[in-house]
């Protein structure tokens, strides 16, 4: 089985068998050229991963693709209308090197990889990570739960009554694009101004605070850990935004547990988790009592296992 993790920053591909994951290859996400560039990149990386694992692509029984969204269905095939990939959504102000409205994903895979003997399954990365955490991680045995990634973007997978929520186009859980602010300077790649992702995503932190001396999220956290009061106040602000989004998920869906992962959260989880939990604790106890925030059980490997969970 091939396990494909498509993110706004990178694409990673591994091959899985009963002994585990092998032949991992990764590249920055393709964002230049024609809008099938990403799909073609995924096909090429699957071939490279198979070769590294000593297999032929024709040996694959299944391909699971965990991809950032949102998705658009074009003649039944999934394309990505993804704010950190498609430069046509917000225009030149976001600085992406293309004018794509969508990036083709499923069509190139159907053409080159999928067959009568090779299953292809594509899901939103929040849904895929949720399934992995429910199967092997911190959400095992929990019927009312969510997975949230805090990374380049903000992704969410939702489960209520033991049923994973998908929605009409597989986009259920895009709470990162819910409006929380009138800040007109906070431009999201989707074109929204003042949504959660525009304020707290990894690339948003760099855009918002670079002029104040913090080049990226890592620099902001390093400064806070060194006792920089201003940096700590900025982190408290972004935790209020994301924490309120988490509260809204709990209040709307009556959740028991939310597992959190992602490239922004994971390296700083001990610092961030109490600040996020504080946005739930003590607020409308009928809804929040017993609701807990936990680190992803699969840690920084959740993206790899997310794709595996789709076809395992």
C-alpha atoms as a PDB file:
ATOM      1  CA  UNK A   1       0.000   0.000   0.000  1.00  0.00           C
ATOM      2  CA  UNK A   2       1.165   3.527  -0.751  1.00  0.00           C
ATOM      3  CA  UNK A   3       0.546   6.185   1.885  1.00  0.00           C
ATOM      4  CA  UNK A   4       0.457   9.754   0.575  1.00  0.00           C
ATOM      5  CA  UNK A   5       0.386  12.853   2.786  1.00  0.00           C
ATOM      6  CA  UNK A   6      -0.324  16.043   0.817  1.00  0.00           C
ATOM      7  CA  UNK A   7       0.194  19.236   2.791  1.00  0.00           C
ATOM      8  CA  UNK A   8       0.439  22.904   2.012  1.00  0.00           C
ATOM      9  CA  UNK A   9       4.204  22.781   2.606  1.00  0.00           C
ATOM     10  CA  UNK A  10       5.298  19.278   1.625  1.00  0.00           C
ATOM     11  CA  UNK A  11       4.217  15.983   0.077  1.00  0.00           C
ATOM     12  CA  UNK A  12       5.393  12.758   1.747  1.00  0.00           C
ATOM     13  CA  UNK A  13       4.954   9.232   0.397  1.00  0.00           C
ATOM     14  CA  UNK A  14       5.703   5.882   2.033  1.00  0.00           C
ATOM     15  CA  UNK A  15       4.950   2.258   1.206  1.00  0.00           C
ATOM     16  CA  UNK A  16       3.392   0.108   3.929  1.00  0.00           C
ATOM     17  CA  UNK A  17       3.320  -3.628   4.532  1.00  0.00           C
ATOM     18  CA  UNK A  18       2.841  -5.780   7.630  1.00  0.00           C
ATOM     19  CA  UNK A  19       6.316  -4.822   8.835  1.00  0.00           C
ATOM     20  CA  UNK A  20       5.607  -1.064   8.791  1.00  0.00           C
ATOM     21  CA  UNK A  21       6.388   1.957   6.607  1.00  0.00           C
ATOM     22  CA  UNK A  22       9.248   1.936   4.092  1.00  0.00           C
ATOM     23  CA  UNK A  23      10.780   3.991   1.310  1.00  0.00           C
ATOM     24  CA  UNK A  24       9.684   7.390   2.605  1.00  0.00           C
ATOM     25  CA  UNK A  25      10.288  10.255   0.167  1.00  0.00           C
ATOM     26  CA  UNK A  26       9.302  13.886   0.570  1.00  0.00           C
ATOM     27  CA  UNK A  27       9.404  17.109  -1.444  1.00  0.00           C
ATOM     28  CA  UNK A  28       8.070  20.645  -1.117  1.00  0.00           C
ATOM     29  CA  UNK A  29       4.529  20.789  -2.480  1.00  0.00           C
ATOM     30  CA  UNK A  30       4.456  21.612  -6.211  1.00  0.00           C
ATOM     31  CA  UNK A  31       2.961  25.065  -6.780  1.00  0.00           C
ATOM     32  CA  UNK A  32       4.256  26.097 -10.199  1.00  0.00           C
ATOM     33  CA  UNK A  33       3.333  25.260 -13.763  1.00  0.00           C
ATOM     34  CA  UNK A  34      -0.004  23.834 -14.884  1.00  0.00           C
ATOM     35  CA  UNK A  35      -2.577  22.980 -12.253  1.00  0.00           C
ATOM     36  CA  UNK A  36      -1.948  19.237 -12.637  1.00  0.00           C
ATOM     37  CA  UNK A  37       1.605  19.722 -11.293  1.00  0.00           C
ATOM     38  CA  UNK A  38       0.697  18.526  -7.793  1.00  0.00           C
ATOM     39  CA  UNK A  39      -1.082  15.411  -9.027  1.00  0.00           C
ATOM     40  CA  UNK A  40       1.849  14.576 -11.293  1.00  0.00           C
ATOM     41  CA  UNK A  41       4.227  15.097  -8.379  1.00  0.00           C
ATOM     42  CA  UNK A  42       2.281  12.617  -6.252  1.00  0.00           C
ATOM     43  CA  UNK A  43       2.369  10.009  -9.037  1.00  0.00           C
ATOM     44  CA  UNK A  44       6.140  10.473  -9.414  1.00  0.00           C
ATOM     45  CA  UNK A  45       6.784  10.239  -5.661  1.00  0.00           C
ATOM     46  CA  UNK A  46       4.742   7.039  -5.423  1.00  0.00           C
ATOM     47  CA  UNK A  47       7.044   5.540  -8.046  1.00  0.00           C
ATOM     48  CA  UNK A  48      10.132   6.736  -6.171  1.00  0.00           C
ATOM     49  CA  UNK A  49       8.862   5.375  -2.855  1.00  0.00           C
ATOM     50  CA  UNK A  50       8.108   1.992  -4.422  1.00  0.00           C
ATOM     51  CA  UNK A  51      11.587   1.885  -5.942  1.00  0.00           C
ATOM     52  CA  UNK A  52      13.182   2.753  -2.584  1.00  0.00           C
ATOM     53  CA  UNK A  53      11.212  -0.074  -0.973  1.00  0.00           C
ATOM     54  CA  UNK A  54      12.189  -2.537  -3.702  1.00  0.00           C
ATOM     55  CA  UNK A  55       8.733  -2.714  -5.281  1.00  0.00           C
ATOM     56  CA  UNK A  56       7.114  -1.916  -8.596  1.00  0.00           C
ATOM     57  CA  UNK A  57       4.181   0.510  -8.582  1.00  0.00           C
ATOM     58  CA  UNK A  58       2.147  -2.258 -10.210  1.00  0.00           C
ATOM     59  CA  UNK A  59       2.597  -4.305  -7.005  1.00  0.00           C
ATOM     60  CA  UNK A  60       0.462  -1.866  -5.008  1.00  0.00           C
ATOM     61  CA  UNK A  61      -2.886  -3.110  -3.745  1.00  0.00           C
ATOM     62  CA  UNK A  62      -4.072   0.296  -2.529  1.00  0.00           C
ATOM     63  CA  UNK A  63      -3.161   3.985  -2.415  1.00  0.00           C
ATOM     64  CA  UNK A  64      -4.394   6.118   0.466  1.00  0.00           C
ATOM     65  CA  UNK A  65      -4.139   9.890   0.067  1.00  0.00           C
ATOM     66  CA  UNK A  66      -4.516  12.169   3.070  1.00  0.00           C
ATOM     67  CA  UNK A  67      -4.739  15.680   1.634  1.00  0.00           C
ATOM     68  CA  UNK A  68      -5.272  19.192   2.824  1.00  0.00           C
ATOM     69  CA  UNK A  69      -8.488  20.717   1.463  1.00  0.00           C
ATOM     70  CA  UNK A  70     -11.029  22.013   0.760  1.00  0.00           C
ATOM     71  CA  UNK A  71     -12.028  19.654  -2.040  1.00  0.00           C
ATOM     72  CA  UNK A  72     -13.942  20.504  -5.196  1.00  0.00           C
ATOM     73  CA  UNK A  73     -15.621  17.733  -7.191  1.00  0.00           C
ATOM     74  CA  UNK A  74     -15.148  18.129 -10.950  1.00  0.00           C
ATOM     75  CA  UNK A  75     -17.075  15.442 -12.832  1.00  0.00           C
ATOM     76  CA  UNK A  76     -16.846  13.344  -9.676  1.00  0.00           C
ATOM     77  CA  UNK A  77     -13.079  13.693  -9.322  1.00  0.00           C
ATOM     78  CA  UNK A  78     -11.403  15.487  -6.393  1.00  0.00           C
ATOM     79  CA  UNK A  79      -9.473  18.696  -7.013  1.00  0.00           C
ATOM     80  CA  UNK A  80      -7.967  20.878  -4.294  1.00  0.00           C
ATOM     81  CA  UNK A  81      -9.176  24.419  -3.726  1.00  0.00           C
ATOM     82  CA  UNK A  82      -6.440  24.847  -1.164  1.00  0.00           C
ATOM     83  CA  UNK A  83      -5.516  28.289   0.216  1.00  0.00           C
ATOM     84  CA  UNK A  84      -1.824  27.503   0.673  1.00  0.00           C
ATOM     85  CA  UNK A  85      -1.445  25.918  -2.761  1.00  0.00           C
ATOM     86  CA  UNK A  86      -3.815  27.719  -5.146  1.00  0.00           C
ATOM     87  CA  UNK A  87      -2.742  31.304  -5.727  1.00  0.00           C
ATOM     88  CA  UNK A  88      -5.879  32.268  -7.633  1.00  0.00           C
ATOM     89  CA  UNK A  89      -8.065  32.157  -4.528  1.00  0.00           C
ATOM     90  CA  UNK A  90      -6.717  35.214  -2.689  1.00  0.00           C
ATOM     91  CA  UNK A  91      -4.761  36.730  -5.569  1.00  0.00           C
ATOM     92  CA  UNK A  92      -1.219  38.152  -5.741  1.00  0.00           C
ATOM     93  CA  UNK A  93      -1.356  39.559  -2.199  1.00  0.00           C
ATOM     94  CA  UNK A  94      -0.622  36.098  -0.801  1.00  0.00           C
ATOM     95  CA  UNK A  95       2.452  35.684  -3.009  1.00  0.00           C
ATOM     96  CA  UNK A  96       1.834  32.169  -4.320  1.00  0.00           C
ATOM     97  CA  UNK A  97       3.530  31.513  -7.690  1.00  0.00           C
ATOM     98  CA  UNK A  98       0.407  30.495  -9.626  1.00  0.00           C
ATOM     99  CA  UNK A  99      -3.108  31.619 -10.467  1.00  0.00           C
ATOM    100  CA  UNK A 100      -4.783  28.254  -9.885  1.00  0.00           C
ATOM    101  CA  UNK A 101      -8.346  28.086  -8.641  1.00  0.00           C
ATOM    102  CA  UNK A 102      -7.918  24.333  -8.089  1.00  0.00           C
ATOM    103  CA  UNK A 103      -5.086  21.804  -8.215  1.00  0.00           C
ATOM    104  CA  UNK A 104      -5.839  18.480  -9.883  1.00  0.00           C
ATOM    105  CA  UNK A 105      -5.315  15.485  -7.629  1.00  0.00           C
ATOM    106  CA  UNK A 106      -7.555  12.512  -8.333  1.00  0.00           C
ATOM    107  CA  UNK A 107      -7.495  12.609 -12.147  1.00  0.00           C
ATOM    108  CA  UNK A 108      -3.709  12.061 -12.512  1.00  0.00           C
ATOM    109  CA  UNK A 109      -3.852   9.270  -9.924  1.00  0.00           C
ATOM    110  CA  UNK A 110      -6.761   7.565 -11.686  1.00  0.00           C
ATOM    111  CA  UNK A 111      -4.861   7.808 -14.933  1.00  0.00           C
ATOM    112  CA  UNK A 112      -1.511   6.517 -13.669  1.00  0.00           C
ATOM    113  CA  UNK A 113      -1.916   4.499 -10.472  1.00  0.00           C
ATOM    114  CA  UNK A 114      -5.449   3.289  -9.731  1.00  0.00           C
ATOM    115  CA  UNK A 115      -6.655   0.109 -11.423  1.00  0.00           C
ATOM    116  CA  UNK A 116      -8.946  -2.863 -10.977  1.00  0.00           C
ATOM    117  CA  UNK A 117      -6.346  -4.306  -8.634  1.00  0.00           C
ATOM    118  CA  UNK A 118      -5.284  -1.067  -6.894  1.00  0.00           C
ATOM    119  CA  UNK A 119      -7.806   0.751  -4.700  1.00  0.00           C
ATOM    120  CA  UNK A 120      -7.544   4.554  -4.470  1.00  0.00           C
ATOM    121  CA  UNK A 121      -9.026   6.435  -1.518  1.00  0.00           C
ATOM    122  CA  UNK A 122      -8.628  10.190  -0.992  1.00  0.00           C
ATOM    123  CA  UNK A 123      -9.824  11.977   2.149  1.00  0.00           C
ATOM    124  CA  UNK A 124      -9.331  15.324   3.799  1.00  0.00           C
ATOM    125  CA  UNK A 125      -6.252  15.139   6.010  1.00  0.00           C
ATOM    126  CA  UNK A 126      -8.283  16.012   9.096  1.00  0.00           C
ATOM    127  CA  UNK A 127     -10.577  13.050   8.460  1.00  0.00           C
ATOM    128  CA  UNK A 128      -7.645  10.739   7.712  1.00  0.00           C
ATOM    129  CA  UNK A 129      -5.763  11.796  10.851  1.00  0.00           C
ATOM    130  CA  UNK A 130      -8.958  11.373  12.876  1.00  0.00           C
ATOM    131  CA  UNK A 131      -9.305   7.807  11.597  1.00  0.00           C
ATOM    132  CA  UNK A 132      -5.653   7.093  12.457  1.00  0.00           C
ATOM    133  CA  UNK A 133      -6.006   8.537  15.963  1.00  0.00           C
ATOM    134  CA  UNK A 134      -9.214   6.541  16.516  1.00  0.00           C
ATOM    135  CA  UNK A 135      -7.511   3.358  15.352  1.00  0.00           C
ATOM    136  CA  UNK A 136      -4.043   3.634  16.891  1.00  0.00           C
ATOM    137  CA  UNK A 137      -3.771   6.902  18.815  1.00  0.00           C
ATOM    138  CA  UNK A 138      -5.302   9.124  21.476  1.00  0.00           C
ATOM    139  CA  UNK A 139      -8.929   8.798  20.314  1.00  0.00           C
ATOM    140  CA  UNK A 140      -9.274   5.036  20.652  1.00  0.00           C
ATOM    141  CA  UNK A 141     -12.649   4.073  22.138  1.00  0.00           C
ATOM    142  CA  UNK A 142     -14.014   7.653  21.977  1.00  0.00           C
ATOM    143  CA  UNK A 143     -17.229   8.097  19.966  1.00  0.00           C
ATOM    144  CA  UNK A 144     -17.552  11.908  20.189  1.00  0.00           C
ATOM    145  CA  UNK A 145     -14.216  13.413  19.247  1.00  0.00           C
ATOM    146  CA  UNK A 146     -12.151  15.514  16.880  1.00  0.00           C
ATOM    147  CA  UNK A 147      -8.639  15.736  15.539  1.00  0.00           C
ATOM    148  CA  UNK A 148      -7.161  19.201  14.982  1.00  0.00           C
ATOM    149  CA  UNK A 149      -3.905  19.951  13.189  1.00  0.00           C
ATOM    150  CA  UNK A 150      -2.169  23.245  13.876  1.00  0.00           C
ATOM    151  CA  UNK A 151       0.384  23.498  11.112  1.00  0.00           C
ATOM    152  CA  UNK A 152       0.763  25.464   7.859  1.00  0.00           C
ATOM    153  CA  UNK A 153      -3.037  25.619   8.015  1.00  0.00           C
ATOM    154  CA  UNK A 154      -5.717  24.584  10.504  1.00  0.00           C
ATOM    155  CA  UNK A 155      -7.379  21.234   9.751  1.00  0.00           C
ATOM    156  CA  UNK A 156     -10.149  19.413  11.609  1.00  0.00           C
ATOM    157  CA  UNK A 157     -11.706  15.949  11.483  1.00  0.00           C
ATOM    158  CA  UNK A 158     -14.976  15.327  13.343  1.00  0.00           C
ATOM    159  CA  UNK A 159     -16.677  12.230  14.761  1.00  0.00           C
ATOM    160  CA  UNK A 160     -20.090  12.184  16.495  1.00  0.00           C
ATOM    161  CA  UNK A 161     -21.801   9.038  17.737  1.00  0.00           C
ATOM    162  CA  UNK A 162     -18.987   6.952  16.306  1.00  0.00           C
ATOM    163  CA  UNK A 163     -19.641   8.312  12.803  1.00  0.00           C
ATOM    164  CA  UNK A 164     -17.000  10.332  10.963  1.00  0.00           C
ATOM    165  CA  UNK A 165     -18.545  13.470   9.451  1.00  0.00           C
ATOM    166  CA  UNK A 166     -17.735  14.190   5.797  1.00  0.00           C
ATOM    167  CA  UNK A 167     -20.331  16.533   4.329  1.00  0.00           C
ATOM    168  CA  UNK A 168     -21.507  16.973   0.760  1.00  0.00           C
ATOM    169  CA  UNK A 169     -18.012  17.208  -0.786  1.00  0.00           C
ATOM    170  CA  UNK A 170     -15.843  15.676   1.936  1.00  0.00           C
ATOM    171  CA  UNK A 171     -15.172  19.084   3.482  1.00  0.00           C
ATOM    172  CA  UNK A 172     -16.813  18.760   6.912  1.00  0.00           C
ATOM    173  CA  UNK A 173     -14.519  20.129   9.607  1.00  0.00           C
ATOM    174  CA  UNK A 174     -13.054  23.199   7.921  1.00  0.00           C
ATOM    175  CA  UNK A 175     -13.419  25.223  11.104  1.00  0.00           C
ATOM    176  CA  UNK A 176     -10.113  26.920  10.298  1.00  0.00           C
ATOM    177  CA  UNK A 177     -12.034  29.044   7.805  1.00  0.00           C
ATOM    178  CA  UNK A 178     -14.672  30.166  10.289  1.00  0.00           C
ATOM    179  CA  UNK A 179     -14.712  33.923  10.898  1.00  0.00           C
ATOM    180  CA  UNK A 180     -13.463  35.153  14.267  1.00  0.00           C
ATOM    181  CA  UNK A 181     -12.199  38.701  13.655  1.00  0.00           C
ATOM    182  CA  UNK A 182     -12.756  41.945  11.733  1.00  0.00           C
ATOM    183  CA  UNK A 183      -8.990  42.293  11.206  1.00  0.00           C
ATOM    184  CA  UNK A 184      -8.805  43.340   7.543  1.00  0.00           C
ATOM    185  CA  UNK A 185      -5.040  42.797   7.518  1.00  0.00           C
ATOM    186  CA  UNK A 186      -5.439  39.090   8.283  1.00  0.00           C
ATOM    187  CA  UNK A 187      -5.764  37.734   4.729  1.00  0.00           C
ATOM    188  CA  UNK A 188      -6.204  33.977   4.427  1.00  0.00           C
ATOM    189  CA  UNK A 189      -5.158  32.176   1.288  1.00  0.00           C
ATOM    190  CA  UNK A 190      -8.818  31.329   0.705  1.00  0.00           C
ATOM    191  CA  UNK A 191      -9.612  35.042   0.328  1.00  0.00           C
ATOM    192  CA  UNK A 192     -11.267  35.443   3.737  1.00  0.00           C
ATOM    193  CA  UNK A 193     -10.063  38.208   6.013  1.00  0.00           C
ATOM    194  CA  UNK A 194     -10.186  37.462   9.719  1.00  0.00           C
ATOM    195  CA  UNK A 195     -10.752  33.708   9.782  1.00  0.00           C
ATOM    196  CA  UNK A 196      -8.966  31.404  12.240  1.00  0.00           C
ATOM    197  CA  UNK A 197      -6.328  30.276   9.755  1.00  0.00           C
ATOM    198  CA  UNK A 198      -5.474  33.853   8.761  1.00  0.00           C
ATOM    199  CA  UNK A 199      -4.722  34.645  12.410  1.00  0.00           C
ATOM    200  CA  UNK A 200      -2.998  31.588  13.869  1.00  0.00           C
ATOM    201  CA  UNK A 201      -1.774  29.171  11.158  1.00  0.00           C
ATOM    202  CA  UNK A 202       1.967  28.675  10.880  1.00  0.00           C
ATOM    203  CA  UNK A 203       2.327  30.884   7.821  1.00  0.00           C
ATOM    204  CA  UNK A 204      -0.006  33.500   9.353  1.00  0.00           C
ATOM    205  CA  UNK A 205       2.274  33.873  12.381  1.00  0.00           C
ATOM    206  CA  UNK A 206       5.179  34.725  10.081  1.00  0.00           C
ATOM    207  CA  UNK A 207       3.109  37.254   8.118  1.00  0.00           C
ATOM    208  CA  UNK A 208       1.654  38.922  11.203  1.00  0.00           C
ATOM    209  CA  UNK A 209       4.721  39.166  13.431  1.00  0.00           C
ATOM    210  CA  UNK A 210       7.802  39.262  11.166  1.00  0.00           C
ATOM    211  CA  UNK A 211       7.806  43.069  11.212  1.00  0.00           C
ATOM    212  CA  UNK A 212       8.035  42.913  15.009  1.00  0.00           C
ATOM    213  CA  UNK A 213      11.157  40.778  14.907  1.00  0.00           C
ATOM    214  CA  UNK A 214       9.739  37.229  14.890  1.00  0.00           C
ATOM    215  CA  UNK A 215      10.507  35.712  11.491  1.00  0.00           C
ATOM    216  CA  UNK A 216       8.313  32.658  11.920  1.00  0.00           C
ATOM    217  CA  UNK A 217       6.441  30.583  14.500  1.00  0.00           C
ATOM    218  CA  UNK A 218       9.645  28.897  15.666  1.00  0.00           C
ATOM    219  CA  UNK A 219      11.293  32.259  16.359  1.00  0.00           C
ATOM    220  CA  UNK A 220       8.239  33.413  18.295  1.00  0.00           C
ATOM    221  CA  UNK A 221       8.296  30.335  20.547  1.00  0.00           C
ATOM    222  CA  UNK A 222      12.048  30.517  21.074  1.00  0.00           C
ATOM    223  CA  UNK A 223      11.675  34.116  22.213  1.00  0.00           C
ATOM    224  CA  UNK A 224       8.791  33.239  24.563  1.00  0.00           C
ATOM    225  CA  UNK A 225      10.739  30.349  26.097  1.00  0.00           C
ATOM    226  CA  UNK A 226      13.601  32.780  26.759  1.00  0.00           C
ATOM    227  CA  UNK A 227      11.269  35.020  28.764  1.00  0.00           C
ATOM    228  CA  UNK A 228      10.280  37.550  26.078  1.00  0.00           C
ATOM    229  CA  UNK A 229       7.105  39.056  27.538  1.00  0.00           C
ATOM    230  CA  UNK A 230       5.915  40.474  24.215  1.00  0.00           C
ATOM    231  CA  UNK A 231       6.309  37.120  22.440  1.00  0.00           C
ATOM    232  CA  UNK A 232       4.438  35.376  25.253  1.00  0.00           C
ATOM    233  CA  UNK A 233       1.576  37.862  24.926  1.00  0.00           C
ATOM    234  CA  UNK A 234       1.389  37.166  21.181  1.00  0.00           C
ATOM    235  CA  UNK A 235       1.218  33.427  21.806  1.00  0.00           C
ATOM    236  CA  UNK A 236      -1.491  33.977  24.406  1.00  0.00           C
ATOM    237  CA  UNK A 237      -3.449  35.901  21.764  1.00  0.00           C
ATOM    238  CA  UNK A 238      -3.247  33.180  19.126  1.00  0.00           C
ATOM    239  CA  UNK A 239      -4.118  30.548  21.752  1.00  0.00           C
ATOM    240  CA  UNK A 240      -7.261  32.517  22.585  1.00  0.00           C
ATOM    241  CA  UNK A 241      -8.291  32.421  18.926  1.00  0.00           C
ATOM    242  CA  UNK A 242      -7.609  28.725  18.426  1.00  0.00           C
ATOM    243  CA  UNK A 243      -8.888  27.847  21.903  1.00  0.00           C
ATOM    244  CA  UNK A 244     -12.203  29.533  21.177  1.00  0.00           C
ATOM    245  CA  UNK A 245     -12.488  27.562  17.948  1.00  0.00           C
ATOM    246  CA  UNK A 246     -11.953  24.389  20.000  1.00  0.00           C
ATOM    247  CA  UNK A 247     -14.585  25.536  22.497  1.00  0.00           C
ATOM    248  CA  UNK A 248     -17.025  26.128  19.639  1.00  0.00           C
ATOM    249  CA  UNK A 249     -16.439  22.589  18.367  1.00  0.00           C
ATOM    250  CA  UNK A 250     -17.088  21.149  21.821  1.00  0.00           C
ATOM    251  CA  UNK A 251     -20.184  23.302  22.345  1.00  0.00           C
ATOM    252  CA  UNK A 252     -21.612  22.573  18.891  1.00  0.00           C
ATOM    253  CA  UNK A 253     -20.959  18.818  18.768  1.00  0.00           C
ATOM    254  CA  UNK A 254     -20.827  17.872  22.478  1.00  0.00           C
ATOM    255  CA  UNK A 255     -17.372  16.326  22.127  1.00  0.00           C
ATOM    256  CA  UNK A 256     -15.524  14.258  24.707  1.00  0.00           C
ATOM    257  CA  UNK A 257     -11.971  14.653  23.460  1.00  0.00           C
ATOM    258  CA  UNK A 258      -9.945  16.581  20.911  1.00  0.00           C
ATOM    259  CA  UNK A 259      -6.499  15.336  19.883  1.00  0.00           C
ATOM    260  CA  UNK A 260      -4.135  17.997  18.547  1.00  0.00           C
ATOM    261  CA  UNK A 261      -1.090  17.634  16.315  1.00  0.00           C
ATOM    262  CA  UNK A 262       0.714  19.496  13.554  1.00  0.00           C
ATOM    263  CA  UNK A 263       3.997  21.246  12.924  1.00  0.00           C
ATOM    264  CA  UNK A 264       3.194  24.335  14.996  1.00  0.00           C
ATOM    265  CA  UNK A 265       1.629  22.520  17.933  1.00  0.00           C
ATOM    266  CA  UNK A 266       3.752  19.413  18.307  1.00  0.00           C
ATOM    267  CA  UNK A 267       7.205  20.894  19.110  1.00  0.00           C
ATOM    268  CA  UNK A 268       5.623  23.275  21.661  1.00  0.00           C
ATOM    269  CA  UNK A 269       2.785  21.105  22.993  1.00  0.00           C
ATOM    270  CA  UNK A 270       3.731  21.391  26.666  1.00  0.00           C
ATOM    271  CA  UNK A 271       3.685  25.188  26.372  1.00  0.00           C
ATOM    272  CA  UNK A 272       0.504  25.416  24.293  1.00  0.00           C
ATOM    273  CA  UNK A 273      -1.799  22.765  25.689  1.00  0.00           C
ATOM    274  CA  UNK A 274      -2.554  24.456  29.041  1.00  0.00           C
ATOM    275  CA  UNK A 275      -3.259  27.744  27.266  1.00  0.00           C
ATOM    276  CA  UNK A 276      -5.694  26.061  24.890  1.00  0.00           C
ATOM    277  CA  UNK A 277      -7.387  24.069  27.652  1.00  0.00           C
ATOM    278  CA  UNK A 278      -7.927  27.305  29.598  1.00  0.00           C
ATOM    279  CA  UNK A 279     -10.302  28.445  26.845  1.00  0.00           C
ATOM    280  CA  UNK A 280     -12.577  25.484  27.658  1.00  0.00           C
ATOM    281  CA  UNK A 281     -12.225  24.995  31.394  1.00  0.00           C
ATOM    282  CA  UNK A 282     -14.949  26.715  33.411  1.00  0.00           C
ATOM    283  CA  UNK A 283     -16.999  27.832  30.413  1.00  0.00           C
ATOM    284  CA  UNK A 284     -20.565  26.485  30.461  1.00  0.00           C
ATOM    285  CA  UNK A 285     -19.820  23.387  32.473  1.00  0.00           C
ATOM    286  CA  UNK A 286     -22.815  21.490  31.089  1.00  0.00           C
ATOM    287  CA  UNK A 287     -21.003  21.393  27.754  1.00  0.00           C
ATOM    288  CA  UNK A 288     -17.334  21.459  28.706  1.00  0.00           C
ATOM    289  CA  UNK A 289     -17.093  19.294  31.840  1.00  0.00           C
ATOM    290  CA  UNK A 290     -15.209  16.161  30.871  1.00  0.00           C
ATOM    291  CA  UNK A 291     -14.117  17.566  27.521  1.00  0.00           C
ATOM    292  CA  UNK A 292     -10.359  17.262  27.234  1.00  0.00           C
ATOM    293  CA  UNK A 293      -7.634  18.360  24.884  1.00  0.00           C
ATOM    294  CA  UNK A 294      -4.794  15.866  24.402  1.00  0.00           C
ATOM    295  CA  UNK A 295      -1.673  15.632  22.234  1.00  0.00           C
ATOM    296  CA  UNK A 296      -1.992  13.369  19.209  1.00  0.00           C
ATOM    297  CA  UNK A 297      -1.163   9.827  20.220  1.00  0.00           C
ATOM    298  CA  UNK A 298       0.754   9.272  16.974  1.00  0.00           C
ATOM    299  CA  UNK A 299       2.869  12.363  17.549  1.00  0.00           C
ATOM    300  CA  UNK A 300       4.702  13.786  14.566  1.00  0.00           C
ATOM    301  CA  UNK A 301       4.000  10.593  12.564  1.00  0.00           C
ATOM    302  CA  UNK A 302       0.257  11.212  12.403  1.00  0.00           C
ATOM    303  CA  UNK A 303       0.452  12.345   8.752  1.00  0.00           C
ATOM    304  CA  UNK A 304       2.074   9.085   7.668  1.00  0.00           C
ATOM    305  CA  UNK A 305      -0.387   6.930   9.591  1.00  0.00           C
ATOM    306  CA  UNK A 306      -3.332   9.055   8.462  1.00  0.00           C
ATOM    307  CA  UNK A 307      -2.893   7.887   4.873  1.00  0.00           C
ATOM    308  CA  UNK A 308      -2.386   4.297   6.046  1.00  0.00           C
ATOM    309  CA  UNK A 309      -5.626   4.403   8.052  1.00  0.00           C
ATOM    310  CA  UNK A 310      -7.564   5.052   4.840  1.00  0.00           C
ATOM    311  CA  UNK A 311      -6.606   1.734   3.248  1.00  0.00           C
ATOM    312  CA  UNK A 312      -5.314  -0.517   6.044  1.00  0.00           C
END
